[in-house]
Structures are given as C-alpha cells and as structure tokens.
Protein backbone atom coordinates (compact mmCIF):
# COMPACT_ATOMS: atom_id res chain seq x y z
CA MET A 1 59.56 157.60 110.25
CA VAL A 2 61.16 154.32 111.36
CA TRP A 3 63.06 154.81 114.59
CA PRO A 4 66.61 153.44 114.34
CA VAL A 5 67.52 150.27 116.18
CA VAL A 6 69.39 150.95 119.41
CA ILE A 7 72.27 148.72 120.47
CA SER A 8 73.34 149.17 124.07
CA SER A 9 76.82 147.83 124.58
CA GLY A 10 79.95 148.41 126.61
CA THR A 11 82.65 146.76 128.62
CA ILE A 12 81.30 144.18 131.03
CA ARG A 13 80.56 145.60 134.50
CA SER A 14 80.60 149.18 133.19
CA GLY A 15 76.92 150.02 133.62
CA SER A 16 75.78 148.60 130.28
CA THR A 17 72.65 147.08 131.82
CA TRP A 18 71.78 150.45 133.35
CA SER A 19 72.27 152.01 129.91
CA PHE A 20 70.14 149.31 128.29
CA ASN A 21 67.29 149.93 130.70
CA VAL A 22 67.47 153.69 130.17
CA CYS A 23 67.29 153.08 126.39
CA ARG A 24 64.49 150.56 126.88
CA LEU A 25 62.40 152.97 128.95
CA LEU A 26 63.03 155.78 126.48
CA GLY A 27 61.95 153.43 123.70
CA GLN A 28 58.81 152.60 125.67
CA LEU A 29 58.03 156.30 126.04
CA LEU A 30 58.29 156.74 122.29
CA ALA A 31 56.26 153.60 121.60
CA ASP A 32 53.48 154.80 123.91
CA ARG A 33 53.41 158.20 122.22
CA ARG A 34 53.06 156.57 118.81
CA GLY A 35 50.75 153.75 119.80
CA GLU A 36 53.41 151.19 118.85
CA SER A 37 55.02 148.21 120.54
CA LEU A 38 58.56 147.98 121.86
CA THR A 39 61.00 145.22 121.00
CA SER A 40 63.82 144.67 123.50
CA ALA A 41 66.13 141.74 124.16
CA TYR A 42 69.62 140.54 124.98
CA LEU A 43 71.13 139.23 121.74
CA GLU A 44 74.84 138.59 121.25
CA GLY A 45 76.94 138.22 118.12
CA GLN A 46 75.38 136.12 115.38
CA LYS A 47 72.02 135.95 117.16
CA LEU A 48 71.65 139.70 116.86
CA ASP A 49 72.84 139.61 113.24
CA HIS A 50 70.27 136.94 112.37
CA PHE A 51 67.54 139.03 113.97
CA LEU A 52 68.63 142.16 112.10
CA GLN A 53 68.80 140.22 108.87
CA ALA A 54 65.15 139.26 109.22
CA GLU A 55 64.15 142.89 109.95
CA ALA A 56 60.70 141.61 110.85
CA PHE A 57 60.35 144.15 113.65
CA LEU A 58 61.05 147.23 111.51
CA GLY A 59 58.11 149.60 111.29
CA GLN A 60 56.37 148.04 114.27
CA GLY A 61 57.99 150.27 116.87
CA PRO A 62 61.25 151.02 118.70
CA ALA A 63 63.80 148.20 119.07
CA VAL A 64 66.46 148.15 121.80
CA PHE A 65 69.05 145.40 122.17
CA LYS A 66 71.82 144.74 124.65
CA ALA A 67 74.96 143.06 123.34
CA HIS A 68 78.53 143.05 124.62
CA PHE A 69 79.93 141.23 121.59
CA ILE A 70 78.95 142.55 118.17
CA ALA A 71 79.04 140.65 114.87
CA PRO A 72 79.59 142.17 111.38
CA MET A 73 76.00 143.07 110.46
CA ALA A 74 75.32 144.92 113.72
CA LEU A 75 78.59 146.80 113.31
CA GLU A 76 77.56 147.73 109.76
CA TRP A 77 74.19 148.96 110.97
CA ILE A 78 75.97 151.21 113.48
CA ARG A 79 78.47 152.44 110.89
CA THR A 80 75.75 153.38 108.41
CA GLY A 81 73.38 154.90 110.95
CA ARG A 82 70.68 152.24 110.73
CA ALA A 83 71.36 151.58 114.38
CA LYS A 84 72.27 153.98 117.15
CA ALA A 85 74.86 152.77 119.65
CA VAL A 86 75.25 153.65 123.30
CA CYS A 87 78.46 152.28 124.79
CA THR A 88 79.43 152.40 128.46
CA ILE A 89 83.07 152.59 129.52
CA ARG A 90 84.77 152.25 132.88
CA ASP A 91 88.30 151.92 134.16
CA PRO A 92 89.02 148.37 132.92
CA ARG A 93 90.78 147.56 136.18
CA ASP A 94 87.50 148.26 137.99
CA CYS A 95 85.69 146.12 135.41
CA VAL A 96 87.94 143.18 136.25
CA ALA A 97 87.56 143.73 140.00
CA SER A 98 83.77 143.86 139.66
CA ASP A 99 83.61 140.83 137.37
CA LEU A 100 85.58 138.75 139.86
CA GLY A 101 82.71 138.96 142.30
CA PHE A 102 80.04 138.74 139.61
CA THR A 103 81.17 135.52 137.92
CA GLY A 104 83.37 133.97 140.60
CA GLN A 105 85.42 132.33 137.84
CA GLY A 106 88.82 133.70 138.79
CA PHE A 107 91.12 136.55 137.86
CA ASP A 108 92.33 135.22 134.51
CA LYS A 109 88.79 134.54 133.28
CA SER A 110 87.63 138.02 134.21
CA VAL A 111 90.63 139.59 132.49
CA THR A 112 89.85 137.63 129.32
CA ARG A 113 86.23 138.77 129.36
CA VAL A 114 87.18 142.44 129.74
CA VAL A 115 89.87 142.24 127.04
CA LYS A 116 87.37 140.74 124.60
CA CYS A 117 84.90 143.58 125.20
CA LEU A 118 87.56 146.23 124.79
CA GLY A 119 88.33 144.88 121.33
CA TYR A 120 85.12 146.45 120.02
CA LEU A 121 85.79 149.98 121.26
CA LYS A 122 88.00 150.94 118.31
CA SER A 123 85.20 150.18 115.87
CA TYR A 124 82.80 152.36 117.83
CA LEU A 125 85.35 155.19 117.84
CA ASP A 126 85.96 154.85 114.10
CA PHE A 127 82.26 155.02 113.29
CA GLY A 128 81.77 158.33 115.09
CA ARG A 129 78.10 157.48 115.67
CA THR A 130 78.34 156.10 119.20
CA LEU A 131 77.46 157.88 122.42
CA PHE A 132 79.97 156.92 125.09
CA ILE A 133 78.74 156.97 128.67
CA ARG A 134 81.45 157.03 131.30
CA TYR A 135 80.54 154.91 134.33
CA GLU A 136 82.06 157.39 136.75
CA GLU A 137 80.00 160.27 135.31
CA MET A 138 76.86 158.15 135.39
CA MET A 139 77.41 157.41 139.07
CA ASN A 140 78.00 161.11 139.76
CA ASP A 141 75.02 162.53 137.83
CA ARG A 142 72.58 159.97 136.45
CA LEU A 143 70.00 162.50 135.26
CA ALA A 144 72.56 164.29 133.10
CA GLN A 145 73.50 160.99 131.44
CA ILE A 146 69.84 160.06 130.92
CA ARG A 147 69.31 163.37 129.14
CA LEU A 148 72.41 162.76 127.01
CA ILE A 149 71.10 159.36 125.95
CA ALA A 150 67.66 160.80 125.15
CA ALA A 151 69.25 163.51 123.01
CA HIS A 152 71.38 160.92 121.19
CA LEU A 153 68.25 158.88 120.45
CA GLN A 154 66.37 162.06 119.46
CA ILE A 155 63.64 161.54 122.04
CA ARG A 156 62.25 164.60 123.81
CA ILE A 157 61.83 164.14 127.55
CA ASP A 158 60.91 166.56 130.30
CA GLN A 159 62.25 166.67 133.84
CA LYS A 160 59.45 164.48 135.21
CA GLU A 161 60.11 161.77 132.59
CA ALA A 162 63.86 161.87 133.22
CA GLU A 163 63.28 161.53 136.97
CA SER A 164 60.89 158.63 136.40
CA ILE A 165 63.50 156.77 134.36
CA ASP A 166 66.10 157.45 137.03
CA HIS A 167 63.73 156.23 139.75
CA GLN A 168 63.34 152.93 137.90
CA THR A 169 67.02 152.41 137.10
CA ASN A 170 69.08 153.84 139.95
CA LEU A 171 71.26 151.71 142.22
CA VAL A 172 68.66 151.43 144.98
CA ALA A 173 65.90 150.35 142.58
CA ALA A 174 68.21 147.90 140.81
CA ARG A 175 69.37 146.34 144.07
CA LYS A 176 65.78 145.89 145.26
CA HIS A 177 64.81 144.38 141.92
CA CYS A 178 67.71 141.91 142.09
CA GLN A 179 66.76 140.83 145.59
CA GLU A 180 63.22 140.03 144.45
CA LEU A 181 64.17 137.90 141.43
CA GLY A 182 64.11 134.71 143.47
CA LYS A 183 60.39 135.24 144.17
CA LEU A 184 59.48 135.44 140.48
CA GLY A 185 58.45 132.43 138.44
CA ASP A 186 60.29 130.83 135.55
CA ASP A 187 58.09 132.75 133.11
CA ARG A 188 59.75 136.00 134.19
CA THR A 189 63.32 134.86 134.88
CA HIS A 190 65.68 132.23 133.56
CA MET A 191 68.90 130.64 134.71
CA VAL A 192 72.12 132.07 133.29
CA VAL A 193 75.23 131.14 135.24
CA GLY A 194 75.14 128.38 137.85
CA THR A 195 72.21 129.12 140.15
CA HIS A 196 71.87 132.78 139.17
CA ARG A 197 68.73 134.15 137.56
CA ARG A 198 68.28 137.00 135.07
CA HIS A 199 65.06 138.95 134.60
CA HIS A 200 63.69 138.61 131.09
CA VAL A 201 62.89 142.34 130.69
CA THR A 202 65.44 144.33 132.71
CA LEU A 203 68.23 141.75 132.12
CA LEU A 204 69.36 142.25 135.72
CA HIS A 205 70.85 139.18 137.42
CA ASP A 206 70.08 138.37 141.03
CA ASN A 207 73.73 139.17 141.86
CA HIS A 208 74.05 142.06 139.42
CA VAL A 209 74.47 144.98 141.80
CA ASP A 210 77.48 145.35 144.04
CA THR A 211 79.10 148.40 145.61
CA GLY A 212 79.29 150.46 142.40
CA LYS A 213 82.47 151.94 143.86
CA VAL A 214 84.90 153.87 141.66
CA ASP A 215 88.60 152.84 141.90
CA ARG A 216 87.64 149.63 143.68
CA TRP A 217 90.57 147.84 142.02
CA LYS A 218 92.95 149.59 144.41
CA GLU A 219 91.32 147.82 147.37
CA ASP A 220 89.86 144.63 145.86
CA LEU A 221 92.87 143.46 143.87
CA THR A 222 96.33 142.51 145.03
CA ALA A 223 99.22 144.84 144.31
CA GLU A 224 100.52 142.37 141.71
CA GLN A 225 97.13 142.12 140.00
CA GLY A 226 96.83 145.92 139.89
CA ARG A 227 100.32 146.19 138.41
CA HIS A 228 99.56 143.53 135.81
CA LEU A 229 96.31 145.21 134.72
CA THR A 230 97.86 148.66 134.56
CA GLN A 231 100.54 147.30 132.26
CA LEU A 232 98.03 145.32 130.20
CA PHE A 233 95.59 148.21 129.78
CA ARG A 234 98.19 150.98 129.59
CA GLU A 235 97.17 152.35 126.20
CA ILE A 236 93.44 152.36 126.81
CA LEU A 237 93.87 153.90 130.26
CA LEU A 238 95.65 156.82 128.62
CA VAL A 239 93.20 157.10 125.71
CA GLN A 240 90.12 157.00 127.95
CA GLY A 241 91.59 159.33 130.56
CA TYR A 242 91.89 156.80 133.38
CA GLY A 243 95.54 157.57 133.88
CA THR A 244 98.41 159.81 132.89
CA GLN A 245 101.97 158.92 132.04
CA ALA A 246 102.95 160.07 135.53
CA SER A 247 100.25 158.07 137.38
CA ILE A 248 100.88 154.91 135.36
CA ARG A 249 104.67 155.00 135.45
CA PRO A 250 105.05 153.46 138.95
CA TYR A 251 103.18 150.34 137.75
CA LEU A 252 105.28 149.81 134.63
CA THR A 253 108.27 147.54 134.17
CA ASN A 254 111.40 148.99 132.64
CA ARG A 255 110.35 147.53 129.27
CA HIS A 256 106.98 149.28 129.32
CA ALA A 257 108.37 152.53 130.74
CA ALA A 258 110.84 152.83 127.89
CA ARG A 259 108.10 152.93 125.24
C-alpha cells in the first residue's frame, strides 16, 4: 500500500509548522515500521506541483510537505484523495498580530499575507478531505490534536509515541531549537528573510516562536487596526467561530452592520 502524500498547510502564524512537524514525525514512525525512507520538505505553489508531477518518491515511503500556497495539481491531489491535507486555522487577527513581529514588514504587508492564505480555505472546505486543526485547541491540548492528526493519516500510535511527538514539538522544545539555530552550520540551515535562518528539517526559523498567546490582537494592535481587521475578516470570523454577530457588531461601520 502506498501511503498518501501529506500536505500540511494553513494560515500563516497559525501553527502550521507545528502541524508539519507532527505529520513529519508520524511519517517517520511509519517509515521506520516499514523499513522505508521519509521524504519531507517545504515546497510552495508550482514547486510542489512539479515535484508531484514527477512522482519519483511514490512507493519509496511516506512524503510530507509544508505549503501555505497551493497550486492546481496539489489541490487536485487533495480533492481526489491522493494527498491528505492537514490545515491549521487561527483567529486571522491574531495571525496578523503575530506576523507583524515575525516579518517586521509592516501592518499592510502582514494583512496581505494572511488574506492570501485565507483564499485557499474554501477549497479545503469544499473537498471535505481536510483535517482542520484549530490553533487555540492545539495550545489547550496538544496530545488530543496529535491523536486527531494520527487518526486522519491512519497511523496507529500509543500514548508513549504521542508523548514523544509532543515532547519534540511543544512550545518549549521549539523555542530551544530556534535559539540553537545560530550554532548550526550552513549544511543544516539556510537564510530565508534578511538575517534569519530556517532549519532544513523542522522548518523552524530562528525567530519562529513568540508568545503563542490567544487573542493577542487585542493588546498588540491599535484600536483602529483591530477595527479594520474585524471588518475585513467579518465573514470568516463568523464561519470559523471566532466571533458572533453581537461580539463583532461594535467593530462594524454602519455600512457593514446593515448587511
């Protein structure tokens, strides 16, 4: 049996790298059990499509990819079940607040990045084959989410294996790993943005981990920025359960409130 390709995606700053590493470690467990090798990488858009088109890795072992932006072939693989998708979601206002510190490129740039990621969520919903992991639930009970991902990927794990994966991917472990990236050589990290480094296996950046706080937008953003984002993301906040008509109404202009 050829194990389906796994594509770990999600809104930026929503725990997608955590999800990728959980999928990667689950894939490694399966590969070890079968005496196979694991393929894992960060491939976006057309690069992932080109790799899938070659299909050279199929039959050699599990394959796990991280990608925020998905091109047509990868979407088709998810739709038809050739690939399994795990997609992380988070209050998009928190995603923007987190990305501000992560990229340091300004409010408008972070908003654009989050909006672009959110454009793919409808496709995932339409396919009905995607496991959605809510950031807030992951932060509250990581082991439960690890077991959900394992079940989605049809990989049996026991309590000890789940705890081992959590030990390698939790916030404390990730923060320590990020702090040590500067000591690693160029063969294990590479430059991504400015002077920041990303590990070639875990895909963690040296500035990847911040507070992990839920509802940080209420403190980190200005009142005007919070109002703007609530208006901009109104529909998705309601669909994903990050707000109700009553909680959102104070942030809306008369034009939005009338809808």
